[in-house]
Amino acid sequence: MGFNKRYIGNDQVKEIYQNSGIEGVQGHYTIGADALVLETGLASEIDDILTLSCGITISDKWNTISEMIKEEIKKGVDEIV
């Protein structure tokens, strides 16, 4: 039995979201890894939200995360134009 680390980058989060939606992102953060190694920015901000314990429902957390990812994708599109 090994120790499974998962490296998650900001661009990777956006790509997973575009291909698999919030369910894909959720699975990437919550299934099959013992530890996450996160890029500073979007990837680590998602983890910050998930670890909050101030009475926010898990559904509200994922809705917030979804909106954050959409904003980051939109920023990237706006920079190209």
C-alpha atoms as a PDB file:
ATOM      1  CA  MET A   1       0.000   0.000   0.000  1.00  0.00           C
ATOM      2  CA  GLY A   2       1.514   3.306  -1.079  1.00  0.00           C
ATOM      3  CA  PHE A   3       1.058   6.975  -0.405  1.00  0.00           C
ATOM      4  CA  ASN A   4      -0.675   8.657  -3.346  1.00  0.00           C
ATOM      5  CA  LYS A   5       0.099  12.319  -4.049  1.00  0.00           C
ATOM      6  CA  ARG A   6      -1.830  14.259  -6.644  1.00  0.00           C
ATOM      7  CA  TYR A   7      -0.411  17.385  -8.258  1.00  0.00           C
ATOM      8  CA  ILE A   8      -3.091  19.856  -9.323  1.00  0.00           C
ATOM      9  CA  GLY A   9      -2.367  22.986 -11.361  1.00  0.00           C
ATOM     10  CA  ASN A  10      -4.568  25.944 -12.201  1.00  0.00           C
ATOM     11  CA  ASP A  11      -4.752  25.174 -15.921  1.00  0.00           C
ATOM     12  CA  GLN A  12      -5.495  21.542 -15.121  1.00  0.00           C
ATOM     13  CA  VAL A  13      -8.493  22.581 -12.994  1.00  0.00           C
ATOM     14  CA  LYS A  14      -9.882  24.697 -15.842  1.00  0.00           C
ATOM     15  CA  GLU A  15      -9.359  21.903 -18.364  1.00  0.00           C
ATOM     16  CA  ILE A  16     -11.071  19.321 -16.150  1.00  0.00           C
ATOM     17  CA  TYR A  17     -13.973  21.727 -15.608  1.00  0.00           C
ATOM     18  CA  GLN A  18     -14.371  22.325 -19.344  1.00  0.00           C
ATOM     19  CA  ASN A  19     -14.266  18.593 -20.116  1.00  0.00           C
ATOM     20  CA  SER A  20     -16.128  17.083 -17.154  1.00  0.00           C
ATOM     21  CA  GLY A  21     -17.840  19.924 -15.310  1.00  0.00           C
ATOM     22  CA  ILE A  22     -17.781  20.485 -11.581  1.00  0.00           C
ATOM     23  CA  GLU A  23     -18.226  16.743 -11.004  1.00  0.00           C
ATOM     24  CA  GLY A  24     -14.864  16.109 -12.647  1.00  0.00           C
ATOM     25  CA  VAL A  25     -13.167  18.739 -10.500  1.00  0.00           C
ATOM     26  CA  GLN A  26     -14.854  17.346  -7.400  1.00  0.00           C
ATOM     27  CA  GLY A  27     -13.597  13.854  -8.157  1.00  0.00           C
ATOM     28  CA  HIS A  28     -10.077  15.098  -8.813  1.00  0.00           C
ATOM     29  CA  TYR A  29      -9.933  16.744  -5.392  1.00  0.00           C
ATOM     30  CA  THR A  30     -11.714  14.083  -3.374  1.00  0.00           C
ATOM     31  CA  ILE A  31     -11.119  10.617  -4.844  1.00  0.00           C
ATOM     32  CA  GLY A  32      -7.997   8.457  -4.751  1.00  0.00           C
ATOM     33  CA  ALA A  33      -5.328  10.753  -3.309  1.00  0.00           C
ATOM     34  CA  ASP A  34      -3.824  10.762   0.150  1.00  0.00           C
ATOM     35  CA  ALA A  35      -2.328  14.228  -0.317  1.00  0.00           C
ATOM     36  CA  LEU A  36      -2.736  17.098  -2.754  1.00  0.00           C
ATOM     37  CA  VAL A  37       0.116  19.262  -4.018  1.00  0.00           C
ATOM     38  CA  LEU A  38      -1.481  22.443  -5.326  1.00  0.00           C
ATOM     39  CA  GLU A  39      -0.328  25.307  -7.504  1.00  0.00           C
ATOM     40  CA  THR A  40      -0.751  28.741  -5.928  1.00  0.00           C
ATOM     41  CA  GLY A  41      -3.885  30.446  -7.180  1.00  0.00           C
ATOM     42  CA  LEU A  42      -7.096  28.789  -8.295  1.00  0.00           C
ATOM     43  CA  ALA A  43      -6.034  25.233  -7.396  1.00  0.00           C
ATOM     44  CA  SER A  44      -5.117  26.150  -3.824  1.00  0.00           C
ATOM     45  CA  GLU A  45      -8.091  28.505  -3.395  1.00  0.00           C
ATOM     46  CA  ILE A  46     -10.427  25.598  -4.172  1.00  0.00           C
ATOM     47  CA  ASP A  47      -8.809  23.577  -1.402  1.00  0.00           C
ATOM     48  CA  ASP A  48      -9.146  26.540   0.967  1.00  0.00           C
ATOM     49  CA  ILE A  49     -12.889  26.635   0.330  1.00  0.00           C
ATOM     50  CA  LEU A  50     -13.242  22.873   0.778  1.00  0.00           C
ATOM     51  CA  THR A  51     -11.519  22.964   4.160  1.00  0.00           C
ATOM     52  CA  LEU A  52     -13.664  25.822   5.539  1.00  0.00           C
ATOM     53  CA  SER A  53     -15.818  24.739   8.429  1.00  0.00           C
ATOM     54  CA  CYS A  54     -17.880  27.839   9.106  1.00  0.00           C
ATOM     55  CA  GLY A  55     -21.356  26.476   8.480  1.00  0.00           C
ATOM     56  CA  ILE A  56     -21.240  26.571   4.668  1.00  0.00           C
ATOM     57  CA  THR A  57     -22.928  23.561   3.079  1.00  0.00           C
ATOM     58  CA  ILE A  58     -20.911  21.363   0.742  1.00  0.00           C
ATOM     59  CA  SER A  59     -23.338  22.254  -2.031  1.00  0.00           C
ATOM     60  CA  ASP A  60     -22.674  25.973  -1.513  1.00  0.00           C
ATOM     61  CA  LYS A  61     -18.941  25.313  -1.483  1.00  0.00           C
ATOM     62  CA  TRP A  62     -19.081  23.563  -4.867  1.00  0.00           C
ATOM     63  CA  ASN A  63     -21.318  26.289  -6.302  1.00  0.00           C
ATOM     64  CA  THR A  64     -18.773  28.898  -5.214  1.00  0.00           C
ATOM     65  CA  ILE A  65     -15.929  26.850  -6.674  1.00  0.00           C
ATOM     66  CA  SER A  66     -17.799  26.482  -9.957  1.00  0.00           C
ATOM     67  CA  GLU A  67     -18.245  30.254 -10.190  1.00  0.00           C
ATOM     68  CA  MET A  68     -14.545  30.798  -9.406  1.00  0.00           C
ATOM     69  CA  ILE A  69     -13.486  28.455 -12.192  1.00  0.00           C
ATOM     70  CA  LYS A  70     -15.868  30.086 -14.667  1.00  0.00           C
ATOM     71  CA  GLU A  71     -14.375  33.492 -13.809  1.00  0.00           C
ATOM     72  CA  GLU A  72     -10.824  32.195 -14.325  1.00  0.00           C
ATOM     73  CA  ILE A  73     -11.778  30.688 -17.693  1.00  0.00           C
ATOM     74  CA  LYS A  74     -13.430  33.971 -18.690  1.00  0.00           C
ATOM     75  CA  LYS A  75     -10.293  35.925 -17.701  1.00  0.00           C
ATOM     76  CA  GLY A  76      -8.213  33.690 -19.930  1.00  0.00           C
ATOM     77  CA  VAL A  77     -10.569  34.239 -22.883  1.00  0.00           C
ATOM     78  CA  ASP A  78     -10.608  38.006 -22.306  1.00  0.00           C
ATOM     79  CA  GLU A  79      -6.790  38.093 -22.290  1.00  0.00           C
ATOM     80  CA  ILE A  80      -6.678  36.369 -25.673  1.00  0.00           C
ATOM     81  CA  VAL A  81      -9.136  38.842 -27.243  1.00  0.00           C
END
